[in-house]
Amino acid sequence: MKKLVFIPIIILASCISGKDSSEKSKAEIIQAEKDFAQSAKEKGIADAFYAFADDSAVIKRGNRIIKGKNAIKEFYEKQPSSGELQWSPDFAEVSGDLGYTYGPFTFSEKDSTGKVNEFKGIFHTVWKKQKDGTWKFVFD
């Protein structure tokens, strides 16, 4: 006699929707990162960092920690360079209301002779889902 295996549909649906939810959140974070980069290109670095920062966001620049979205905007407004920052996420991961992305960035600026200097590296951004469903960065 064969035994029937019964998997409640509610449990199966929960597992499927959890995976779909995670993939949806990853796509949302990747899109937020791309929108963030586009905003920096179109509106400037200071305005982009302000617009995409959680109120309690933190950035690390060199050996300095800048806390809060207003302080982050002030930091970028005081920078002497009017260079261009470009980046794009290569990877995203999500767990609940937190996620992270990373990928390459390039900062280009002209020196006093007009020569363009490029600085390349890897960025890492931690994202937090907001009450309205949008994603804002909490650490960069």
C-alpha atoms as a PDB file:
ATOM      1  CA  MET A   1       0.000   0.000   0.000  1.00  0.00           C
ATOM      2  CA  LYS A   2       1.318   3.413  -0.972  1.00  0.00           C
ATOM      3  CA  LYS A   3       1.339   6.234   1.500  1.00  0.00           C
ATOM      4  CA  LEU A   4       0.199   9.610   0.338  1.00  0.00           C
ATOM      5  CA  VAL A   5       2.310  12.571   1.279  1.00  0.00           C
ATOM      6  CA  PHE A   6       0.267  15.643   2.080  1.00  0.00           C
ATOM      7  CA  ILE A   7       1.833  19.095   2.048  1.00  0.00           C
ATOM      8  CA  PRO A   8      -0.604  21.746   3.140  1.00  0.00           C
ATOM      9  CA  ILE A   9      -1.087  24.281   0.383  1.00  0.00           C
ATOM     10  CA  ILE A  10      -0.780  27.153   2.854  1.00  0.00           C
ATOM     11  CA  ILE A  11       2.777  26.099   3.786  1.00  0.00           C
ATOM     12  CA  LEU A  12       3.761  25.560   0.154  1.00  0.00           C
ATOM     13  CA  ALA A  13       2.293  28.916  -0.857  1.00  0.00           C
ATOM     14  CA  SER A  14       4.141  30.595   1.992  1.00  0.00           C
ATOM     15  CA  CYS A  15       7.462  29.143   0.863  1.00  0.00           C
ATOM     16  CA  ILE A  16       6.866  30.161  -2.743  1.00  0.00           C
ATOM     17  CA  SER A  17       5.700  33.671  -1.869  1.00  0.00           C
ATOM     18  CA  GLY A  18       8.685  34.136   0.483  1.00  0.00           C
ATOM     19  CA  LYS A  19      11.087  33.425  -2.371  1.00  0.00           C
ATOM     20  CA  ASP A  20       9.122  35.680  -4.707  1.00  0.00           C
ATOM     21  CA  SER A  21       9.116  38.399  -2.054  1.00  0.00           C
ATOM     22  CA  SER A  22      12.897  38.160  -1.655  1.00  0.00           C
ATOM     23  CA  GLU A  23      13.450  38.346  -5.425  1.00  0.00           C
ATOM     24  CA  LYS A  24      11.067  41.297  -5.617  1.00  0.00           C
ATOM     25  CA  SER A  25      12.957  43.065  -2.814  1.00  0.00           C
ATOM     26  CA  LYS A  26      16.292  42.411  -4.551  1.00  0.00           C
ATOM     27  CA  ALA A  27      14.923  43.940  -7.740  1.00  0.00           C
ATOM     28  CA  GLU A  28      13.645  46.941  -5.766  1.00  0.00           C
ATOM     29  CA  ILE A  29      17.040  47.515  -4.133  1.00  0.00           C
ATOM     30  CA  ILE A  30      18.879  47.195  -7.437  1.00  0.00           C
ATOM     31  CA  GLN A  31      16.479  49.733  -8.953  1.00  0.00           C
ATOM     32  CA  ALA A  32      16.920  52.058  -5.956  1.00  0.00           C
ATOM     33  CA  GLU A  33      20.709  51.866  -6.401  1.00  0.00           C
ATOM     34  CA  LYS A  34      20.407  52.644 -10.118  1.00  0.00           C
ATOM     35  CA  ASP A  35      18.025  55.540  -9.405  1.00  0.00           C
ATOM     36  CA  PHE A  36      20.465  56.808  -6.767  1.00  0.00           C
ATOM     37  CA  ALA A  37      23.335  56.781  -9.299  1.00  0.00           C
ATOM     38  CA  GLN A  38      21.197  58.487 -11.949  1.00  0.00           C
ATOM     39  CA  SER A  39      20.162  61.151  -9.448  1.00  0.00           C
ATOM     40  CA  ALA A  40      23.836  61.834  -8.632  1.00  0.00           C
ATOM     41  CA  LYS A  41      24.535  62.291 -12.323  1.00  0.00           C
ATOM     42  CA  GLU A  42      21.536  64.562 -12.950  1.00  0.00           C
ATOM     43  CA  LYS A  43      21.168  66.519  -9.679  1.00  0.00           C
ATOM     44  CA  GLY A  44      24.614  66.286  -8.131  1.00  0.00           C
ATOM     45  CA  ILE A  45      26.165  64.123  -5.468  1.00  0.00           C
ATOM     46  CA  ALA A  46      24.988  66.137  -2.423  1.00  0.00           C
ATOM     47  CA  ASP A  47      21.336  66.166  -3.497  1.00  0.00           C
ATOM     48  CA  ALA A  48      21.363  62.487  -4.453  1.00  0.00           C
ATOM     49  CA  PHE A  49      22.860  61.373  -1.151  1.00  0.00           C
ATOM     50  CA  TYR A  50      20.303  63.490   0.696  1.00  0.00           C
ATOM     51  CA  ALA A  51      17.354  62.144  -1.315  1.00  0.00           C
ATOM     52  CA  PHE A  52      18.291  58.465  -0.926  1.00  0.00           C
ATOM     53  CA  ALA A  53      19.472  58.541   2.704  1.00  0.00           C
ATOM     54  CA  ASP A  54      17.479  57.269   5.658  1.00  0.00           C
ATOM     55  CA  ASP A  55      17.243  59.968   8.344  1.00  0.00           C
ATOM     56  CA  SER A  56      19.799  58.061  10.440  1.00  0.00           C
ATOM     57  CA  ALA A  57      22.111  57.138   7.528  1.00  0.00           C
ATOM     58  CA  VAL A  58      25.870  56.919   8.032  1.00  0.00           C
ATOM     59  CA  ILE A  59      28.665  57.246   5.490  1.00  0.00           C
ATOM     60  CA  LYS A  60      32.346  56.459   5.988  1.00  0.00           C
ATOM     61  CA  ARG A  61      34.756  58.629   4.028  1.00  0.00           C
ATOM     62  CA  GLY A  62      38.406  57.985   4.758  1.00  0.00           C
ATOM     63  CA  ASN A  63      38.724  57.746   8.531  1.00  0.00           C
ATOM     64  CA  ARG A  64      35.650  59.883   9.080  1.00  0.00           C
ATOM     65  CA  ILE A  65      32.088  58.842   9.928  1.00  0.00           C
ATOM     66  CA  ILE A  66      29.310  61.248   8.935  1.00  0.00           C
ATOM     67  CA  LYS A  67      25.967  60.601  10.672  1.00  0.00           C
ATOM     68  CA  GLY A  68      22.516  61.711   9.524  1.00  0.00           C
ATOM     69  CA  LYS A  69      21.194  62.738   6.127  1.00  0.00           C
ATOM     70  CA  ASN A  70      21.592  66.480   6.789  1.00  0.00           C
ATOM     71  CA  ALA A  71      25.227  66.046   7.824  1.00  0.00           C
ATOM     72  CA  ILE A  72      25.844  63.884   4.740  1.00  0.00           C
ATOM     73  CA  LYS A  73      24.443  66.572   2.446  1.00  0.00           C
ATOM     74  CA  GLU A  74      26.548  69.249   4.186  1.00  0.00           C
ATOM     75  CA  PHE A  75      29.648  67.067   3.808  1.00  0.00           C
ATOM     76  CA  TYR A  76      29.150  66.764   0.055  1.00  0.00           C
ATOM     77  CA  GLU A  77      28.231  70.424  -0.379  1.00  0.00           C
ATOM     78  CA  LYS A  78      31.579  71.396   1.197  1.00  0.00           C
ATOM     79  CA  GLN A  79      33.636  69.209  -1.132  1.00  0.00           C
ATOM     80  CA  PRO A  80      35.746  71.332  -3.499  1.00  0.00           C
ATOM     81  CA  SER A  81      35.364  68.965  -6.432  1.00  0.00           C
ATOM     82  CA  SER A  82      32.602  69.075  -8.969  1.00  0.00           C
ATOM     83  CA  GLY A  83      33.551  65.667 -10.281  1.00  0.00           C
ATOM     84  CA  GLU A  84      31.239  62.976 -11.549  1.00  0.00           C
ATOM     85  CA  LEU A  85      30.441  59.815  -9.621  1.00  0.00           C
ATOM     86  CA  GLN A  86      29.193  56.745 -11.473  1.00  0.00           C
ATOM     87  CA  TRP A  87      28.328  53.340 -10.078  1.00  0.00           C
ATOM     88  CA  SER A  88      26.193  50.295 -10.737  1.00  0.00           C
ATOM     89  CA  PRO A  89      25.303  47.335  -8.519  1.00  0.00           C
ATOM     90  CA  ASP A  90      26.706  43.908  -9.396  1.00  0.00           C
ATOM     91  CA  PHE A  91      25.037  42.116  -6.481  1.00  0.00           C
ATOM     92  CA  ALA A  92      22.133  42.479  -4.087  1.00  0.00           C
ATOM     93  CA  GLU A  93      20.937  40.432  -1.126  1.00  0.00           C
ATOM     94  CA  VAL A  94      17.910  40.946   1.099  1.00  0.00           C
ATOM     95  CA  SER A  95      16.721  39.623   4.436  1.00  0.00           C
ATOM     96  CA  GLY A  96      13.469  41.108   5.634  1.00  0.00           C
ATOM     97  CA  ASP A  97      13.605  44.905   5.680  1.00  0.00           C
ATOM     98  CA  LEU A  98      17.394  45.095   5.241  1.00  0.00           C
ATOM     99  CA  GLY A  99      19.501  44.471   2.180  1.00  0.00           C
ATOM    100  CA  TYR A 100      22.819  45.346   0.653  1.00  0.00           C
ATOM    101  CA  THR A 101      24.382  45.976  -2.716  1.00  0.00           C
ATOM    102  CA  TYR A 102      27.916  46.227  -4.020  1.00  0.00           C
ATOM    103  CA  GLY A 103      29.669  46.895  -7.268  1.00  0.00           C
ATOM    104  CA  PRO A 104      32.197  49.130  -9.028  1.00  0.00           C
ATOM    105  CA  PHE A 105      32.324  52.913  -8.879  1.00  0.00           C
ATOM    106  CA  THR A 106      34.298  55.543 -10.767  1.00  0.00           C
ATOM    107  CA  PHE A 107      34.844  59.117  -9.629  1.00  0.00           C
ATOM    108  CA  SER A 108      36.155  61.424 -12.371  1.00  0.00           C
ATOM    109  CA  GLU A 109      37.359  64.986 -11.900  1.00  0.00           C
ATOM    110  CA  LYS A 110      39.435  67.500 -13.823  1.00  0.00           C
ATOM    111  CA  ASP A 111      42.568  68.892 -12.228  1.00  0.00           C
ATOM    112  CA  SER A 112      43.787  72.478 -12.592  1.00  0.00           C
ATOM    113  CA  THR A 113      45.422  71.654 -15.942  1.00  0.00           C
ATOM    114  CA  GLY A 114      42.206  70.170 -17.351  1.00  0.00           C
ATOM    115  CA  LYS A 115      43.425  66.589 -17.145  1.00  0.00           C
ATOM    116  CA  VAL A 116      40.697  64.118 -16.117  1.00  0.00           C
ATOM    117  CA  ASN A 117      41.682  61.899 -13.210  1.00  0.00           C
ATOM    118  CA  GLU A 118      39.717  58.758 -12.416  1.00  0.00           C
ATOM    119  CA  PHE A 119      39.466  56.995  -9.082  1.00  0.00           C
ATOM    120  CA  LYS A 120      37.991  53.497  -9.171  1.00  0.00           C
ATOM    121  CA  GLY A 121      36.842  51.252  -6.399  1.00  0.00           C
ATOM    122  CA  ILE A 122      34.084  49.087  -4.999  1.00  0.00           C
ATOM    123  CA  PHE A 123      31.067  50.498  -3.180  1.00  0.00           C
ATOM    124  CA  HIS A 124      28.957  48.732  -0.576  1.00  0.00           C
ATOM    125  CA  THR A 125      25.552  50.095   0.402  1.00  0.00           C
ATOM    126  CA  VAL A 126      23.235  48.840   3.153  1.00  0.00           C
ATOM    127  CA  TRP A 127      19.533  49.514   2.490  1.00  0.00           C
ATOM    128  CA  LYS A 128      16.504  49.624   4.788  1.00  0.00           C
ATOM    129  CA  LYS A 129      12.915  49.334   3.659  1.00  0.00           C
ATOM    130  CA  GLN A 130      10.875  52.343   4.761  1.00  0.00           C
ATOM    131  CA  LYS A 131       7.301  52.337   6.046  1.00  0.00           C
ATOM    132  CA  ASP A 132       6.104  53.625   2.654  1.00  0.00           C
ATOM    133  CA  GLY A 133       7.745  50.654   0.877  1.00  0.00           C
ATOM    134  CA  THR A 134      10.693  52.578  -0.583  1.00  0.00           C
ATOM    135  CA  TRP A 135      14.310  51.715   0.141  1.00  0.00           C
ATOM    136  CA  LYS A 136      16.759  54.227   1.657  1.00  0.00           C
ATOM    137  CA  PHE A 137      20.410  53.649   2.412  1.00  0.00           C
ATOM    138  CA  VAL A 138      21.512  53.425   6.042  1.00  0.00           C
ATOM    139  CA  PHE A 139      25.232  52.898   5.414  1.00  0.00           C
ATOM    140  CA  ASP A 140      27.487  53.706   2.504  1.00  0.00           C
END
